[in-house]
Amino acid sequence: MSNNQQNDGHHQIEHPENDAQYTGLQVNAGIEMPPMNNPYMKRRKKRPQLSVADYVEGIRKGNLSVLGQAVTLVESLVPEHQVIAQEVIEKCLPYTGNSKRIGITGVPGAGKSTSIDVFGLHVLEKDPANKLAVLAIDPSSERSKGSIPKAFIRPSPSAGSLGGVARKTRETIVLCEAAGYNNIFVETVGVGQSETAVHSMVDFFLLIQLAGTGDELQGIKRGIMEMADGICIN
């Protein structure tokens, strides 16, 4: 291809398919390629890196923005972030252990998210002092965090972690407790027989099952059914 046929960012590439030797082929010229730089795009200011003390202070004050940044820091794979995150978690540990941790699991489509909506609103309406954190381990689900007063909703990708939970769910629970959340729901991805890691992280392990799916299918889930503290037929 000659130099005048190459694309310089503003002109068309000549299509060899339009050569006379290719009978019946015709490629439209299309439109001129726009410039790569958007003149209307404003450069975003880089968010300043918080110190360990800043993170701990913000979390203890219940600052949702700082809490969200701290969870992101904990989930980061960057070695520098992991060092800071570990320090933040260690300084938050004295303020933990004062929440009710509820793990909610079940097969895909059993109604975990729908049940959490109902349970969560009930918890918040029952006592004005209640605060709720929902840790949704579901990479296919996007939720609006902070849309419910006194509720912190954080979706996290499982990122290849087995057991129905994310790689850093336990650390995220610590941060939420330090931020004053006295009720924590951990919603797992749709689980199978052996995906029961959340059981060791919570005080109460609720299994939501579908009705009418047959005795044979329920038998497949026997392992997780034996570990559940409560079973709900939806």
C-alpha atoms as a PDB file:
ATOM      1  CA  MET A   1       0.000   0.000   0.000  1.00  0.00           C
ATOM      2  CA  SER A   2       1.388   3.426  -0.979  1.00  0.00           C
ATOM      3  CA  ASN A   3       1.949   6.245   1.489  1.00  0.00           C
ATOM      4  CA  ASN A   4      -0.989   8.262   0.171  1.00  0.00           C
ATOM      5  CA  GLN A   5      -3.243   5.280   0.790  1.00  0.00           C
ATOM      6  CA  GLN A   6      -2.341   4.897   4.457  1.00  0.00           C
ATOM      7  CA  ASN A   7      -4.531   6.306   7.197  1.00  0.00           C
ATOM      8  CA  ASP A   8      -2.937   9.357   8.860  1.00  0.00           C
ATOM      9  CA  GLY A   9      -5.803   9.775  11.317  1.00  0.00           C
ATOM     10  CA  HIS A  10      -7.880  12.044   9.056  1.00  0.00           C
ATOM     11  CA  HIS A  11      -8.048  10.387   5.617  1.00  0.00           C
ATOM     12  CA  GLN A  12      -9.582   7.176   4.342  1.00  0.00           C
ATOM     13  CA  ILE A  13      -7.733   3.938   3.705  1.00  0.00           C
ATOM     14  CA  GLU A  14      -8.071   2.773   0.090  1.00  0.00           C
ATOM     15  CA  HIS A  15      -9.817  -0.609   0.144  1.00  0.00           C
ATOM     16  CA  PRO A  16      -8.092  -3.211  -2.056  1.00  0.00           C
ATOM     17  CA  GLU A  17     -11.440  -5.023  -2.365  1.00  0.00           C
ATOM     18  CA  ASN A  18     -12.576  -2.271  -4.747  1.00  0.00           C
ATOM     19  CA  ASP A  19      -9.972  -3.266  -7.328  1.00  0.00           C
ATOM     20  CA  ALA A  20     -11.432  -4.269 -10.685  1.00  0.00           C
ATOM     21  CA  GLN A  21     -10.042  -7.803 -10.357  1.00  0.00           C
ATOM     22  CA  TYR A  22     -12.525  -8.542  -7.557  1.00  0.00           C
ATOM     23  CA  THR A  23     -15.797  -8.735  -9.444  1.00  0.00           C
ATOM     24  CA  GLY A  24     -18.920  -7.971  -7.438  1.00  0.00           C
ATOM     25  CA  LEU A  25     -17.122  -6.536  -4.400  1.00  0.00           C
ATOM     26  CA  GLN A  26     -17.657  -2.950  -3.318  1.00  0.00           C
ATOM     27  CA  VAL A  27     -16.633  -1.460   0.050  1.00  0.00           C
ATOM     28  CA  ASN A  28     -18.190   1.848   1.017  1.00  0.00           C
ATOM     29  CA  ALA A  29     -15.875   4.749   1.711  1.00  0.00           C
ATOM     30  CA  GLY A  30     -17.392   5.395   5.141  1.00  0.00           C
ATOM     31  CA  ILE A  31     -16.747   8.616   7.035  1.00  0.00           C
ATOM     32  CA  GLU A  32     -13.601  10.550   7.723  1.00  0.00           C
ATOM     33  CA  MET A  33     -11.910   9.399  10.903  1.00  0.00           C
ATOM     34  CA  PRO A  34     -12.264  12.026  13.653  1.00  0.00           C
ATOM     35  CA  PRO A  35      -9.230  13.279  15.595  1.00  0.00           C
ATOM     36  CA  MET A  36      -8.173  11.033  18.477  1.00  0.00           C
ATOM     37  CA  ASN A  37      -8.153  13.783  21.106  1.00  0.00           C
ATOM     38  CA  ASN A  38     -11.451  15.109  22.405  1.00  0.00           C
ATOM     39  CA  PRO A  39     -11.073  18.912  22.742  1.00  0.00           C
ATOM     40  CA  TYR A  40     -14.052  19.044  25.118  1.00  0.00           C
ATOM     41  CA  MET A  41     -12.728  16.456  27.565  1.00  0.00           C
ATOM     42  CA  LYS A  42     -11.509  17.923  30.815  1.00  0.00           C
ATOM     43  CA  ARG A  43      -8.629  16.239  32.546  1.00  0.00           C
ATOM     44  CA  ARG A  44      -9.744  14.679  35.812  1.00  0.00           C
ATOM     45  CA  LYS A  45      -7.835  15.724  38.870  1.00  0.00           C
ATOM     46  CA  LYS A  46      -5.955  12.857  40.420  1.00  0.00           C
ATOM     47  CA  ARG A  47      -7.426  11.917  43.778  1.00  0.00           C
ATOM     48  CA  PRO A  48      -4.900  12.513  46.566  1.00  0.00           C
ATOM     49  CA  GLN A  49      -3.616   9.389  48.289  1.00  0.00           C
ATOM     50  CA  LEU A  50      -4.914   9.202  51.855  1.00  0.00           C
ATOM     51  CA  SER A  51      -2.657   8.190  54.722  1.00  0.00           C
ATOM     52  CA  VAL A  52      -3.387   5.284  57.051  1.00  0.00           C
ATOM     53  CA  ALA A  53      -4.549   7.755  59.708  1.00  0.00           C
ATOM     54  CA  ASP A  54      -6.855   9.456  57.187  1.00  0.00           C
ATOM     55  CA  TYR A  55      -8.447   6.133  56.259  1.00  0.00           C
ATOM     56  CA  VAL A  56      -8.982   5.079  59.870  1.00  0.00           C
ATOM     57  CA  GLU A  57     -10.387   8.458  60.880  1.00  0.00           C
ATOM     58  CA  GLY A  58     -12.748   8.568  57.891  1.00  0.00           C
ATOM     59  CA  ILE A  59     -13.945   5.016  58.502  1.00  0.00           C
ATOM     60  CA  ARG A  60     -14.560   5.655  62.196  1.00  0.00           C
ATOM     61  CA  LYS A  61     -16.602   8.758  61.307  1.00  0.00           C
ATOM     62  CA  GLY A  62     -18.735   6.709  58.916  1.00  0.00           C
ATOM     63  CA  ASN A  63     -17.581   8.587  55.813  1.00  0.00           C
ATOM     64  CA  LEU A  64     -18.967   6.501  52.925  1.00  0.00           C
ATOM     65  CA  SER A  65     -16.473   7.867  50.415  1.00  0.00           C
ATOM     66  CA  VAL A  66     -13.482   6.956  52.578  1.00  0.00           C
ATOM     67  CA  LEU A  67     -15.000   3.557  53.408  1.00  0.00           C
ATOM     68  CA  GLY A  68     -15.487   2.844  49.706  1.00  0.00           C
ATOM     69  CA  GLN A  69     -11.912   3.881  48.954  1.00  0.00           C
ATOM     70  CA  ALA A  70     -10.655   1.675  51.773  1.00  0.00           C
ATOM     71  CA  VAL A  71     -12.515  -1.358  50.402  1.00  0.00           C
ATOM     72  CA  THR A  72     -11.066  -0.658  46.955  1.00  0.00           C
ATOM     73  CA  LEU A  73      -7.612  -0.428  48.554  1.00  0.00           C
ATOM     74  CA  VAL A  74      -8.122  -3.775  50.291  1.00  0.00           C
ATOM     75  CA  GLU A  75      -9.189  -5.417  47.014  1.00  0.00           C
ATOM     76  CA  SER A  76      -6.257  -3.950  45.055  1.00  0.00           C
ATOM     77  CA  LEU A  77      -3.485  -6.262  43.856  1.00  0.00           C
ATOM     78  CA  VAL A  78      -0.867  -3.486  43.877  1.00  0.00           C
ATOM     79  CA  PRO A  79       1.784  -4.372  46.519  1.00  0.00           C
ATOM     80  CA  GLU A  80       1.970  -0.790  47.816  1.00  0.00           C
ATOM     81  CA  HIS A  81      -1.802  -0.730  48.309  1.00  0.00           C
ATOM     82  CA  GLN A  82      -1.730  -4.062  50.137  1.00  0.00           C
ATOM     83  CA  VAL A  83       0.791  -2.721  52.661  1.00  0.00           C
ATOM     84  CA  ILE A  84      -1.381   0.324  53.434  1.00  0.00           C
ATOM     85  CA  ALA A  85      -4.545  -1.793  53.535  1.00  0.00           C
ATOM     86  CA  GLN A  86      -3.011  -4.171  56.069  1.00  0.00           C
ATOM     87  CA  GLU A  87      -2.127  -1.265  58.366  1.00  0.00           C
ATOM     88  CA  VAL A  88      -5.643   0.163  58.049  1.00  0.00           C
ATOM     89  CA  ILE A  89      -7.210  -3.200  58.907  1.00  0.00           C
ATOM     90  CA  GLU A  90      -4.949  -3.681  61.944  1.00  0.00           C
ATOM     91  CA  LYS A  91      -5.855  -0.236  63.308  1.00  0.00           C
ATOM     92  CA  CYS A  92      -9.575  -0.906  62.711  1.00  0.00           C
ATOM     93  CA  LEU A  93      -9.604  -4.290  64.473  1.00  0.00           C
ATOM     94  CA  PRO A  94     -10.165  -2.852  68.005  1.00  0.00           C
ATOM     95  CA  TYR A  95     -13.475  -1.371  66.799  1.00  0.00           C
ATOM     96  CA  THR A  96     -14.882  -4.595  65.324  1.00  0.00           C
ATOM     97  CA  GLY A  97     -16.979  -7.491  66.576  1.00  0.00           C
ATOM     98  CA  ASN A  98     -20.116  -5.500  67.409  1.00  0.00           C
ATOM     99  CA  SER A  99     -22.270  -6.470  64.443  1.00  0.00           C
ATOM    100  CA  LYS A 100     -24.665  -9.224  63.472  1.00  0.00           C
ATOM    101  CA  ARG A 101     -23.175 -10.960  60.454  1.00  0.00           C
ATOM    102  CA  ILE A 102     -25.697 -12.739  58.236  1.00  0.00           C
ATOM    103  CA  GLY A 103     -24.576 -14.855  55.291  1.00  0.00           C
ATOM    104  CA  ILE A 104     -27.230 -15.369  52.620  1.00  0.00           C
ATOM    105  CA  THR A 105     -26.662 -17.995  49.982  1.00  0.00           C
ATOM    106  CA  GLY A 106     -28.539 -20.181  47.560  1.00  0.00           C
ATOM    107  CA  VAL A 107     -28.677 -21.410  43.991  1.00  0.00           C
ATOM    108  CA  PRO A 108     -28.811 -18.829  41.170  1.00  0.00           C
ATOM    109  CA  GLY A 109     -32.301 -17.352  40.880  1.00  0.00           C
ATOM    110  CA  ALA A 110     -33.424 -18.463  44.348  1.00  0.00           C
ATOM    111  CA  GLY A 111     -34.212 -14.867  45.356  1.00  0.00           C
ATOM    112  CA  LYS A 112     -31.173 -13.814  47.400  1.00  0.00           C
ATOM    113  CA  SER A 113     -31.170 -10.182  46.258  1.00  0.00           C
ATOM    114  CA  THR A 114     -34.953  -9.873  46.574  1.00  0.00           C
ATOM    115  CA  SER A 115     -34.862 -11.289  50.098  1.00  0.00           C
ATOM    116  CA  ILE A 116     -32.052  -8.926  51.089  1.00  0.00           C
ATOM    117  CA  ASP A 117     -34.164  -5.973  49.925  1.00  0.00           C
ATOM    118  CA  VAL A 118     -36.974  -7.048  52.258  1.00  0.00           C
ATOM    119  CA  PHE A 119     -34.743  -8.071  55.179  1.00  0.00           C
ATOM    120  CA  GLY A 120     -32.676  -4.894  54.922  1.00  0.00           C
ATOM    121  CA  LEU A 121     -35.621  -2.507  54.944  1.00  0.00           C
ATOM    122  CA  HIS A 122     -37.078  -4.419  57.899  1.00  0.00           C
ATOM    123  CA  VAL A 123     -33.817  -4.074  59.861  1.00  0.00           C
ATOM    124  CA  LEU A 124     -33.625  -0.324  59.187  1.00  0.00           C
ATOM    125  CA  GLU A 125     -37.273   0.304  60.040  1.00  0.00           C
ATOM    126  CA  LYS A 126     -37.170  -1.762  63.228  1.00  0.00           C
ATOM    127  CA  ASP A 127     -34.652   0.453  65.037  1.00  0.00           C
ATOM    128  CA  PRO A 128     -33.538   3.973  63.988  1.00  0.00           C
ATOM    129  CA  ALA A 129     -30.096   3.212  65.447  1.00  0.00           C
ATOM    130  CA  ASN A 130     -29.520   0.341  63.035  1.00  0.00           C
ATOM    131  CA  LYS A 131     -27.021   0.667  60.203  1.00  0.00           C
ATOM    132  CA  LEU A 132     -26.774  -1.916  57.445  1.00  0.00           C
ATOM    133  CA  ALA A 133     -23.913  -2.953  55.185  1.00  0.00           C
ATOM    134  CA  VAL A 134     -24.640  -5.281  52.269  1.00  0.00           C
ATOM    135  CA  LEU A 135     -21.644  -6.988  50.684  1.00  0.00           C
ATOM    136  CA  ALA A 136     -22.892  -8.412  47.414  1.00  0.00           C
ATOM    137  CA  ILE A 137     -20.472 -10.842  45.821  1.00  0.00           C
ATOM    138  CA  ASP A 138     -21.944 -10.907  42.347  1.00  0.00           C
ATOM    139  CA  PRO A 139     -19.875  -9.780  39.361  1.00  0.00           C
ATOM    140  CA  SER A 140     -22.932  -9.774  37.090  1.00  0.00           C
ATOM    141  CA  SER A 141     -24.877  -7.359  39.277  1.00  0.00           C
ATOM    142  CA  GLU A 142     -24.508  -3.570  39.392  1.00  0.00           C
ATOM    143  CA  ARG A 143     -26.122  -1.789  42.323  1.00  0.00           C
ATOM    144  CA  SER A 144     -26.331   1.840  43.301  1.00  0.00           C
ATOM    145  CA  LYS A 145     -24.422   2.192  46.532  1.00  0.00           C
ATOM    146  CA  GLY A 146     -25.710   4.600  49.119  1.00  0.00           C
ATOM    147  CA  SER A 147     -29.231   4.816  47.676  1.00  0.00           C
ATOM    148  CA  ILE A 148     -30.844   3.714  50.962  1.00  0.00           C
ATOM    149  CA  PRO A 149     -30.282   5.881  54.066  1.00  0.00           C
ATOM    150  CA  LYS A 150     -28.077   4.213  56.700  1.00  0.00           C
ATOM    151  CA  ALA A 151     -27.161   1.480  54.207  1.00  0.00           C
ATOM    152  CA  PHE A 152     -23.805   0.837  52.569  1.00  0.00           C
ATOM    153  CA  ILE A 153     -24.137  -1.455  49.553  1.00  0.00           C
ATOM    154  CA  ARG A 154     -20.915  -2.713  48.044  1.00  0.00           C
ATOM    155  CA  PRO A 155     -20.827  -5.100  45.066  1.00  0.00           C
ATOM    156  CA  SER A 156     -17.498  -6.877  44.691  1.00  0.00           C
ATOM    157  CA  PRO A 157     -16.314  -9.260  41.954  1.00  0.00           C
ATOM    158  CA  SER A 158     -15.491 -12.794  43.017  1.00  0.00           C
ATOM    159  CA  ALA A 159     -12.302 -12.416  40.904  1.00  0.00           C
ATOM    160  CA  GLY A 160     -11.828 -16.150  40.587  1.00  0.00           C
ATOM    161  CA  SER A 161     -12.218 -16.776  44.301  1.00  0.00           C
ATOM    162  CA  LEU A 162     -14.176 -19.939  45.082  1.00  0.00           C
ATOM    163  CA  GLY A 163     -16.571 -20.359  47.958  1.00  0.00           C
ATOM    164  CA  GLY A 164     -19.190 -17.865  46.786  1.00  0.00           C
ATOM    165  CA  VAL A 165     -17.383 -14.857  48.284  1.00  0.00           C
ATOM    166  CA  ALA A 166     -14.759 -12.375  47.135  1.00  0.00           C
ATOM    167  CA  ARG A 167     -11.067 -12.650  47.936  1.00  0.00           C
ATOM    168  CA  LYS A 168     -11.215  -9.888  50.552  1.00  0.00           C
ATOM    169  CA  THR A 169     -14.728 -10.261  51.986  1.00  0.00           C
ATOM    170  CA  ARG A 170     -13.470 -10.905  55.524  1.00  0.00           C
ATOM    171  CA  GLU A 171     -11.371  -7.724  55.493  1.00  0.00           C
ATOM    172  CA  THR A 172     -14.286  -5.717  54.108  1.00  0.00           C
ATOM    173  CA  ILE A 173     -16.461  -6.900  57.007  1.00  0.00           C
ATOM    174  CA  VAL A 174     -13.822  -5.565  59.431  1.00  0.00           C
ATOM    175  CA  LEU A 175     -13.879  -2.133  57.775  1.00  0.00           C
ATOM    176  CA  CYS A 176     -17.695  -1.977  57.841  1.00  0.00           C
ATOM    177  CA  GLU A 177     -17.809  -2.881  61.538  1.00  0.00           C
ATOM    178  CA  ALA A 178     -15.219  -0.199  62.324  1.00  0.00           C
ATOM    179  CA  ALA A 179     -17.433   2.281  60.446  1.00  0.00           C
ATOM    180  CA  GLY A 180     -20.292   1.543  62.849  1.00  0.00           C
ATOM    181  CA  TYR A 181     -22.419  -0.858  60.816  1.00  0.00           C
ATOM    182  CA  ASN A 182     -24.108  -3.159  63.320  1.00  0.00           C
ATOM    183  CA  ASN A 183     -25.821  -5.359  60.720  1.00  0.00           C
ATOM    184  CA  ILE A 184     -23.890  -6.905  57.838  1.00  0.00           C
ATOM    185  CA  PHE A 185     -25.425  -9.027  55.090  1.00  0.00           C
ATOM    186  CA  VAL A 186     -23.047 -11.036  52.908  1.00  0.00           C
ATOM    187  CA  GLU A 187     -24.756 -12.127  49.713  1.00  0.00           C
ATOM    188  CA  THR A 188     -22.846 -14.826  47.851  1.00  0.00           C
ATOM    189  CA  VAL A 189     -22.846 -15.695  44.187  1.00  0.00           C
ATOM    190  CA  GLY A 190     -25.106 -18.603  43.290  1.00  0.00           C
ATOM    191  CA  VAL A 191     -23.414 -21.475  45.077  1.00  0.00           C
ATOM    192  CA  GLY A 192     -23.075 -25.201  44.685  1.00  0.00           C
ATOM    193  CA  GLN A 193     -22.332 -28.063  47.020  1.00  0.00           C
ATOM    194  CA  SER A 194     -18.893 -27.082  48.315  1.00  0.00           C
ATOM    195  CA  GLU A 195     -19.005 -23.264  48.081  1.00  0.00           C
ATOM    196  CA  THR A 196     -19.468 -22.612  51.788  1.00  0.00           C
ATOM    197  CA  ALA A 197     -16.567 -20.279  52.656  1.00  0.00           C
ATOM    198  CA  VAL A 198     -18.991 -17.602  53.884  1.00  0.00           C
ATOM    199  CA  HIS A 199     -20.070 -19.954  56.685  1.00  0.00           C
ATOM    200  CA  SER A 200     -16.870 -19.223  58.626  1.00  0.00           C
ATOM    201  CA  MET A 201     -17.323 -15.440  58.301  1.00  0.00           C
ATOM    202  CA  VAL A 202     -20.834 -14.971  59.671  1.00  0.00           C
ATOM    203  CA  ASP A 203     -22.918 -15.548  62.794  1.00  0.00           C
ATOM    204  CA  PHE A 204     -25.927 -16.931  60.930  1.00  0.00           C
ATOM    205  CA  PHE A 205     -25.854 -18.784  57.610  1.00  0.00           C
ATOM    206  CA  LEU A 206     -29.145 -18.646  55.698  1.00  0.00           C
ATOM    207  CA  LEU A 207     -29.754 -20.897  52.696  1.00  0.00           C
ATOM    208  CA  ILE A 208     -32.536 -19.870  50.302  1.00  0.00           C
ATOM    209  CA  GLN A 209     -33.956 -22.733  48.268  1.00  0.00           C
ATOM    210  CA  LEU A 210     -36.451 -22.947  45.426  1.00  0.00           C
ATOM    211  CA  ALA A 211     -39.604 -25.009  45.808  1.00  0.00           C
ATOM    212  CA  GLY A 212     -40.511 -27.773  43.373  1.00  0.00           C
ATOM    213  CA  THR A 213     -37.044 -28.423  41.995  1.00  0.00           C
ATOM    214  CA  GLY A 214     -37.161 -32.121  42.780  1.00  0.00           C
ATOM    215  CA  ASP A 215     -35.658 -34.389  45.433  1.00  0.00           C
ATOM    216  CA  GLU A 216     -32.728 -35.382  43.197  1.00  0.00           C
ATOM    217  CA  LEU A 217     -31.589 -31.773  42.700  1.00  0.00           C
ATOM    218  CA  GLN A 218     -31.961 -30.970  46.393  1.00  0.00           C
ATOM    219  CA  GLY A 219     -29.774 -33.971  47.146  1.00  0.00           C
ATOM    220  CA  ILE A 220     -26.965 -32.426  45.113  1.00  0.00           C
ATOM    221  CA  LYS A 221     -26.993 -29.482  47.533  1.00  0.00           C
ATOM    222  CA  ARG A 222     -26.817 -31.714  50.587  1.00  0.00           C
ATOM    223  CA  GLY A 223     -23.358 -30.509  51.646  1.00  0.00           C
ATOM    224  CA  ILE A 224     -24.377 -26.876  51.907  1.00  0.00           C
ATOM    225  CA  MET A 225     -27.742 -27.792  53.466  1.00  0.00           C
ATOM    226  CA  GLU A 226     -25.967 -29.496  56.355  1.00  0.00           C
ATOM    227  CA  MET A 227     -23.959 -26.338  57.110  1.00  0.00           C
ATOM    228  CA  ALA A 228     -26.866 -23.877  56.982  1.00  0.00           C
ATOM    229  CA  ASP A 229     -28.250 -22.461  60.250  1.00  0.00           C
ATOM    230  CA  GLY A 230     -31.584 -21.774  58.557  1.00  0.00           C
ATOM    231  CA  ILE A 231     -33.273 -22.830  55.339  1.00  0.00           C
ATOM    232  CA  CYS A 232     -35.830 -20.624  53.598  1.00  0.00           C
ATOM    233  CA  ILE A 233     -38.053 -22.006  50.833  1.00  0.00           C
ATOM    234  CA  ASN A 234     -38.830 -19.125  48.490  1.00  0.00           C
END
